[in-house]
């Protein structure tokens, strides 16, 4: 089994861990039907439309 030749510094280790803990920010756009702000590739939370068709019941 391979062993590390050199010790990883605290900074290098912490930088790697910090990248894993970053939140993934979703890109947003507008719904073509109602104009509400929605996440890309998701059904609109206001009207329930996705790709030109109704897929979920609208949240009142």
PDB file of N, CA and C in Angstrom:
ATOM      1  N   UNK A   1       0.839  -1.173   0.000  1.00  0.00           N
ATOM      2  CA  UNK A   1       0.000   0.000   0.000  1.00  0.00           C
ATOM      3  C   UNK A   1       0.887   1.240   0.000  1.00  0.00           C
ATOM      4  N   UNK A   2       0.489   2.244  -0.758  1.00  0.00           N
ATOM      5  CA  UNK A   2       1.280   3.464  -0.879  1.00  0.00           C
ATOM      6  C   UNK A   2       1.165   4.319   0.374  1.00  0.00           C
ATOM      7  N   UNK A   3       2.256   4.962   0.700  1.00  0.00           N
ATOM      8  CA  UNK A   3       2.305   5.877   1.837  1.00  0.00           C
ATOM      9  C   UNK A   3       2.702   7.254   1.333  1.00  0.00           C
ATOM     10  N   UNK A   4       2.197   8.323   1.962  1.00  0.00           N
ATOM     11  CA  UNK A   4       2.590   9.656   1.530  1.00  0.00           C
ATOM     12  C   UNK A   4       4.055   9.920   1.837  1.00  0.00           C
ATOM     13  N   UNK A   5       4.771  10.533   0.876  1.00  0.00           N
ATOM     14  CA  UNK A   5       6.190  10.815   1.067  1.00  0.00           C
ATOM     15  C   UNK A   5       6.409  12.044   1.932  1.00  0.00           C
ATOM     16  N   UNK A   6       5.495  13.030   1.795  1.00  0.00           N
ATOM     17  CA  UNK A   6       5.634  14.261   2.567  1.00  0.00           C
ATOM     18  C   UNK A   6       4.329  14.574   3.286  1.00  0.00           C
ATOM     19  N   UNK A   7       4.474  15.336   4.378  1.00  0.00           N
ATOM     20  CA  UNK A   7       3.317  15.732   5.157  1.00  0.00           C
ATOM     21  C   UNK A   7       2.550  16.828   4.429  1.00  0.00           C
ATOM     22  N   UNK A   8       1.219  16.734   4.418  1.00  0.00           N
ATOM     23  CA  UNK A   8       0.394  17.802   3.850  1.00  0.00           C
ATOM     24  C   UNK A   8       0.320  18.925   4.875  1.00  0.00           C
ATOM     25  N   UNK A   9       0.536  20.147   4.422  1.00  0.00           N
ATOM     26  CA  UNK A   9       0.472  21.284   5.337  1.00  0.00           C
ATOM     27  C   UNK A   9      -0.974  21.533   5.769  1.00  0.00           C
ATOM     28  N   UNK A  10      -1.119  22.247   6.887  1.00  0.00           N
ATOM     29  CA  UNK A  10      -2.452  22.557   7.389  1.00  0.00           C
ATOM     30  C   UNK A  10      -3.225  23.388   6.377  1.00  0.00           C
ATOM     31  N   UNK A  11      -2.537  24.331   5.730  1.00  0.00           N
ATOM     32  CA  UNK A  11      -3.203  25.197   4.774  1.00  0.00           C
ATOM     33  C   UNK A  11      -3.721  24.404   3.579  1.00  0.00           C
ATOM     34  N   UNK A  12      -2.914  23.508   3.054  1.00  0.00           N
ATOM     35  CA  UNK A  12      -3.329  22.720   1.890  1.00  0.00           C
ATOM     36  C   UNK A  12      -4.527  21.839   2.245  1.00  0.00           C
ATOM     37  N   UNK A  13      -4.490  21.244   3.424  1.00  0.00           N
ATOM     38  CA  UNK A  13      -5.585  20.388   3.860  1.00  0.00           C
ATOM     39  C   UNK A  13      -6.868  21.198   4.059  1.00  0.00           C
ATOM     40  N   UNK A  14      -6.755  22.379   4.649  1.00  0.00           N
ATOM     41  CA  UNK A  14      -7.925  23.210   4.914  1.00  0.00           C
ATOM     42  C   UNK A  14      -8.515  23.786   3.632  1.00  0.00           C
ATOM     43  N   UNK A  15      -7.661  24.089   2.660  1.00  0.00           N
ATOM     44  CA  UNK A  15      -8.164  24.585   1.376  1.00  0.00           C
ATOM     45  C   UNK A  15      -8.984  23.508   0.662  1.00  0.00           C
ATOM     46  N   UNK A  16      -8.533  22.273   0.731  1.00  0.00           N
ATOM     47  CA  UNK A  16      -9.254  21.174   0.099  1.00  0.00           C
ATOM     48  C   UNK A  16     -10.621  20.981   0.768  1.00  0.00           C
ATOM     49  N   UNK A  17     -10.656  21.009   2.085  1.00  0.00           N
ATOM     50  CA  UNK A  17     -11.895  20.817   2.822  1.00  0.00           C
ATOM     51  C   UNK A  17     -12.854  21.976   2.580  1.00  0.00           C
ATOM     52  N   UNK A  18     -12.326  23.190   2.459  1.00  0.00           N
ATOM     53  CA  UNK A  18     -13.175  24.360   2.232  1.00  0.00           C
ATOM     54  C   UNK A  18     -13.894  24.267   0.896  1.00  0.00           C
ATOM     55  N   UNK A  19     -13.258  23.691  -0.121  1.00  0.00           N
ATOM     56  CA  UNK A  19     -13.902  23.535  -1.420  1.00  0.00           C
ATOM     57  C   UNK A  19     -15.060  22.551  -1.342  1.00  0.00           C
ATOM     58  N   UNK A  20     -14.945  21.539  -0.501  1.00  0.00           N
ATOM     59  CA  UNK A  20     -16.006  20.551  -0.362  1.00  0.00           C
ATOM     60  C   UNK A  20     -17.213  21.129   0.361  1.00  0.00           C
ATOM     61  N   UNK A  21     -16.980  22.106   1.251  1.00  0.00           N
ATOM     62  CA  UNK A  21     -18.051  22.662   2.060  1.00  0.00           C
ATOM     63  C   UNK A  21     -18.761  23.828   1.389  1.00  0.00           C
ATOM     64  N   UNK A  22     -18.285  24.282   0.221  1.00  0.00           N
ATOM     65  CA  UNK A  22     -18.929  25.406  -0.449  1.00  0.00           C
ATOM     66  C   UNK A  22     -20.315  25.008  -0.921  1.00  0.00           C
ATOM     67  N   UNK A  23     -21.306  25.860  -0.713  1.00  0.00           N
ATOM     68  CA  UNK A  23     -22.631  25.535  -1.230  1.00  0.00           C
ATOM     69  C   UNK A  23     -22.653  25.670  -2.746  1.00  0.00           C
ATOM     70  N   UNK A  24     -23.365  24.809  -3.390  1.00  0.00           N
ATOM     71  CA  UNK A  24     -23.497  24.877  -4.837  1.00  0.00           C
ATOM     72  C   UNK A  24     -24.631  25.838  -5.147  1.00  0.00           C
ATOM     73  N   UNK A  25     -24.290  26.961  -5.742  1.00  0.00           N
ATOM     74  CA  UNK A  25     -25.291  27.969  -6.036  1.00  0.00           C
ATOM     75  C   UNK A  25     -25.997  27.620  -7.339  1.00  0.00           C
ATOM     76  N   UNK A  26     -27.286  27.482  -7.269  1.00  0.00           N
ATOM     77  CA  UNK A  26     -28.068  27.134  -8.450  1.00  0.00           C
ATOM     78  C   UNK A  26     -28.265  28.375  -9.309  1.00  0.00           C
ATOM     79  N   UNK A  27     -28.220  28.189 -10.595  1.00  0.00           N
ATOM     80  CA  UNK A  27     -28.485  29.299 -11.494  1.00  0.00           C
ATOM     81  C   UNK A  27     -29.991  29.516 -11.566  1.00  0.00           C
ATOM     82  N   UNK A  28     -30.370  30.773 -11.652  1.00  0.00           N
ATOM     83  CA  UNK A  28     -31.787  31.089 -11.683  1.00  0.00           C
ATOM     84  C   UNK A  28     -32.147  31.746 -13.004  1.00  0.00           C
ATOM     85  N   UNK A  29     -33.392  31.648 -13.358  1.00  0.00           N
ATOM     86  CA  UNK A  29     -33.910  32.276 -14.556  1.00  0.00           C
ATOM     87  C   UNK A  29     -35.354  32.676 -14.306  1.00  0.00           C
ATOM     88  N   UNK A  30     -36.027  33.089 -15.347  1.00  0.00           N
ATOM     89  CA  UNK A  30     -37.427  33.466 -15.194  1.00  0.00           C
ATOM     90  C   UNK A  30     -38.309  32.452 -15.912  1.00  0.00           C
ATOM     91  N   UNK A  31     -39.468  32.255 -15.373  1.00  0.00           N
ATOM     92  CA  UNK A  31     -40.449  31.355 -15.970  1.00  0.00           C
ATOM     93  C   UNK A  31     -41.048  32.041 -17.194  1.00  0.00           C
ATOM     94  N   UNK A  32     -41.077  31.392 -18.359  1.00  0.00           N
ATOM     95  CA  UNK A  32     -41.661  32.023 -19.544  1.00  0.00           C
ATOM     96  C   UNK A  32     -43.180  32.180 -19.452  1.00  0.00           C
ATOM     97  N   UNK A  33     -43.827  31.401 -18.597  1.00  0.00           N
ATOM     98  CA  UNK A  33     -45.289  31.466 -18.476  1.00  0.00           C
ATOM     99  C   UNK A  33     -45.734  32.611 -17.573  1.00  0.00           C
ATOM    100  N   UNK A  34     -45.165  32.676 -16.354  1.00  0.00           N
ATOM    101  CA  UNK A  34     -45.655  33.662 -15.387  1.00  0.00           C
ATOM    102  C   UNK A  34     -44.619  34.727 -15.036  1.00  0.00           C
ATOM    103  N   UNK A  35     -43.353  34.529 -15.421  1.00  0.00           N
ATOM    104  CA  UNK A  35     -42.323  35.523 -15.152  1.00  0.00           C
ATOM    105  C   UNK A  35     -41.710  35.449 -13.769  1.00  0.00           C
ATOM    106  N   UNK A  36     -42.040  34.425 -13.001  1.00  0.00           N
ATOM    107  CA  UNK A  36     -41.477  34.276 -11.658  1.00  0.00           C
ATOM    108  C   UNK A  36     -40.041  33.769 -11.746  1.00  0.00           C
ATOM    109  N   UNK A  37     -39.271  34.046 -10.713  1.00  0.00           N
ATOM    110  CA  UNK A  37     -37.891  33.560 -10.648  1.00  0.00           C
ATOM    111  C   UNK A  37     -37.919  32.084 -10.277  1.00  0.00           C
ATOM    112  N   UNK A  38     -37.184  31.255 -11.041  1.00  0.00           N
ATOM    113  CA  UNK A  38     -37.138  29.818 -10.762  1.00  0.00           C
ATOM    114  C   UNK A  38     -35.751  29.285 -11.049  1.00  0.00           C
ATOM    115  N   UNK A  39     -35.442  28.123 -10.488  1.00  0.00           N
ATOM    116  CA  UNK A  39     -34.163  27.470 -10.750  1.00  0.00           C
ATOM    117  C   UNK A  39     -34.188  26.840 -12.128  1.00  0.00           C
ATOM    118  N   UNK A  40     -33.015  26.759 -12.748  1.00  0.00           N
ATOM    119  CA  UNK A  40     -32.915  26.123 -14.058  1.00  0.00           C
ATOM    120  C   UNK A  40     -33.215  24.636 -13.948  1.00  0.00           C
ATOM    121  N   UNK A  41     -33.856  24.100 -14.945  1.00  0.00           N
ATOM    122  CA  UNK A  41     -34.192  22.673 -15.032  1.00  0.00           C
ATOM    123  C   UNK A  41     -35.075  22.212 -13.885  1.00  0.00           C
ATOM    124  N   UNK A  42     -35.939  23.096 -13.398  1.00  0.00           N
ATOM    125  CA  UNK A  42     -36.892  22.764 -12.340  1.00  0.00           C
ATOM    126  C   UNK A  42     -38.260  23.314 -12.740  1.00  0.00           C
ATOM    127  N   UNK A  43     -39.301  22.727 -12.217  1.00  0.00           N
ATOM    128  CA  UNK A  43     -40.647  23.249 -12.454  1.00  0.00           C
ATOM    129  C   UNK A  43     -40.795  24.561 -11.697  1.00  0.00           C
ATOM    130  N   UNK A  44     -41.591  25.451 -12.254  1.00  0.00           N
ATOM    131  CA  UNK A  44     -41.824  26.753 -11.631  1.00  0.00           C
ATOM    132  C   UNK A  44     -42.619  26.550 -10.341  1.00  0.00           C
ATOM    133  N   UNK A  45     -42.156  27.094  -9.212  1.00  0.00           N
ATOM    134  CA  UNK A  45     -42.900  26.903  -7.964  1.00  0.00           C
ATOM    135  C   UNK A  45     -44.208  27.683  -7.932  1.00  0.00           C
ATOM    136  N   UNK A  46     -44.324  28.721  -8.752  1.00  0.00           N
ATOM    137  CA  UNK A  46     -45.530  29.550  -8.732  1.00  0.00           C
ATOM    138  C   UNK A  46     -46.653  28.966  -9.593  1.00  0.00           C
ATOM    139  N   UNK A  47     -46.333  28.611 -10.855  1.00  0.00           N
ATOM    140  CA  UNK A  47     -47.394  28.123 -11.748  1.00  0.00           C
ATOM    141  C   UNK A  47     -47.313  26.622 -12.029  1.00  0.00           C
ATOM    142  N   UNK A  48     -46.205  25.965 -11.720  1.00  0.00           N
ATOM    143  CA  UNK A  48     -46.097  24.519 -11.905  1.00  0.00           C
ATOM    144  C   UNK A  48     -45.777  24.079 -13.318  1.00  0.00           C
ATOM    145  N   UNK A  49     -45.363  25.000 -14.185  1.00  0.00           N
ATOM    146  CA  UNK A  49     -45.060  24.663 -15.580  1.00  0.00           C
ATOM    147  C   UNK A  49     -43.585  24.299 -15.730  1.00  0.00           C
ATOM    148  N   UNK A  50     -43.319  23.370 -16.638  1.00  0.00           N
ATOM    149  CA  UNK A  50     -41.951  23.022 -17.010  1.00  0.00           C
ATOM    150  C   UNK A  50     -41.955  22.607 -18.471  1.00  0.00           C
ATOM    151  N   UNK A  51     -41.112  23.241 -19.271  1.00  0.00           N
ATOM    152  CA  UNK A  51     -40.956  22.915 -20.685  1.00  0.00           C
ATOM    153  C   UNK A  51     -42.283  23.033 -21.441  1.00  0.00           C
ATOM    154  N   UNK A  52     -43.075  24.045 -21.092  1.00  0.00           N
ATOM    155  CA  UNK A  52     -44.313  24.306 -21.789  1.00  0.00           C
ATOM    156  C   UNK A  52     -45.502  23.458 -21.410  1.00  0.00           C
ATOM    157  N   UNK A  53     -45.404  22.663 -20.345  1.00  0.00           N
ATOM    158  CA  UNK A  53     -46.543  21.849 -19.913  1.00  0.00           C
ATOM    159  C   UNK A  53     -46.658  21.855 -18.402  1.00  0.00           C
ATOM    160  N   UNK A  54     -47.863  21.602 -17.923  1.00  0.00           N
ATOM    161  CA  UNK A  54     -48.136  21.600 -16.488  1.00  0.00           C
ATOM    162  C   UNK A  54     -47.658  20.275 -15.898  1.00  0.00           C
ATOM    163  N   UNK A  55     -46.741  20.324 -14.922  1.00  0.00           N
ATOM    164  CA  UNK A  55     -46.216  19.077 -14.350  1.00  0.00           C
ATOM    165  C   UNK A  55     -46.550  18.917 -12.877  1.00  0.00           C
ATOM    166  N   UNK A  56     -46.749  20.018 -12.157  1.00  0.00           N
ATOM    167  CA  UNK A  56     -47.118  19.933 -10.743  1.00  0.00           C
ATOM    168  C   UNK A  56     -48.241  20.922 -10.459  1.00  0.00           C
ATOM    169  N   UNK A  57     -48.949  20.672  -9.389  1.00  0.00           N
ATOM    170  CA  UNK A  57     -50.016  21.588  -8.985  1.00  0.00           C
ATOM    171  C   UNK A  57     -49.368  22.868  -8.470  1.00  0.00           C
ATOM    172  N   UNK A  58     -49.952  23.993  -8.799  1.00  0.00           N
ATOM    173  CA  UNK A  58     -49.420  25.289  -8.400  1.00  0.00           C
ATOM    174  C   UNK A  58     -49.570  25.477  -6.899  1.00  0.00           C
ATOM    175  N   UNK A  59     -48.539  26.069  -6.279  1.00  0.00           N
ATOM    176  CA  UNK A  59     -48.591  26.392  -4.852  1.00  0.00           C
ATOM    177  C   UNK A  59     -49.359  27.683  -4.686  1.00  0.00           C
ATOM    178  N   UNK A  60     -50.440  27.628  -3.963  1.00  0.00           N
ATOM    179  CA  UNK A  60     -51.282  28.822  -3.767  1.00  0.00           C
ATOM    180  C   UNK A  60     -50.756  29.647  -2.628  1.00  0.00           C
TER     181      UNK A  60
END
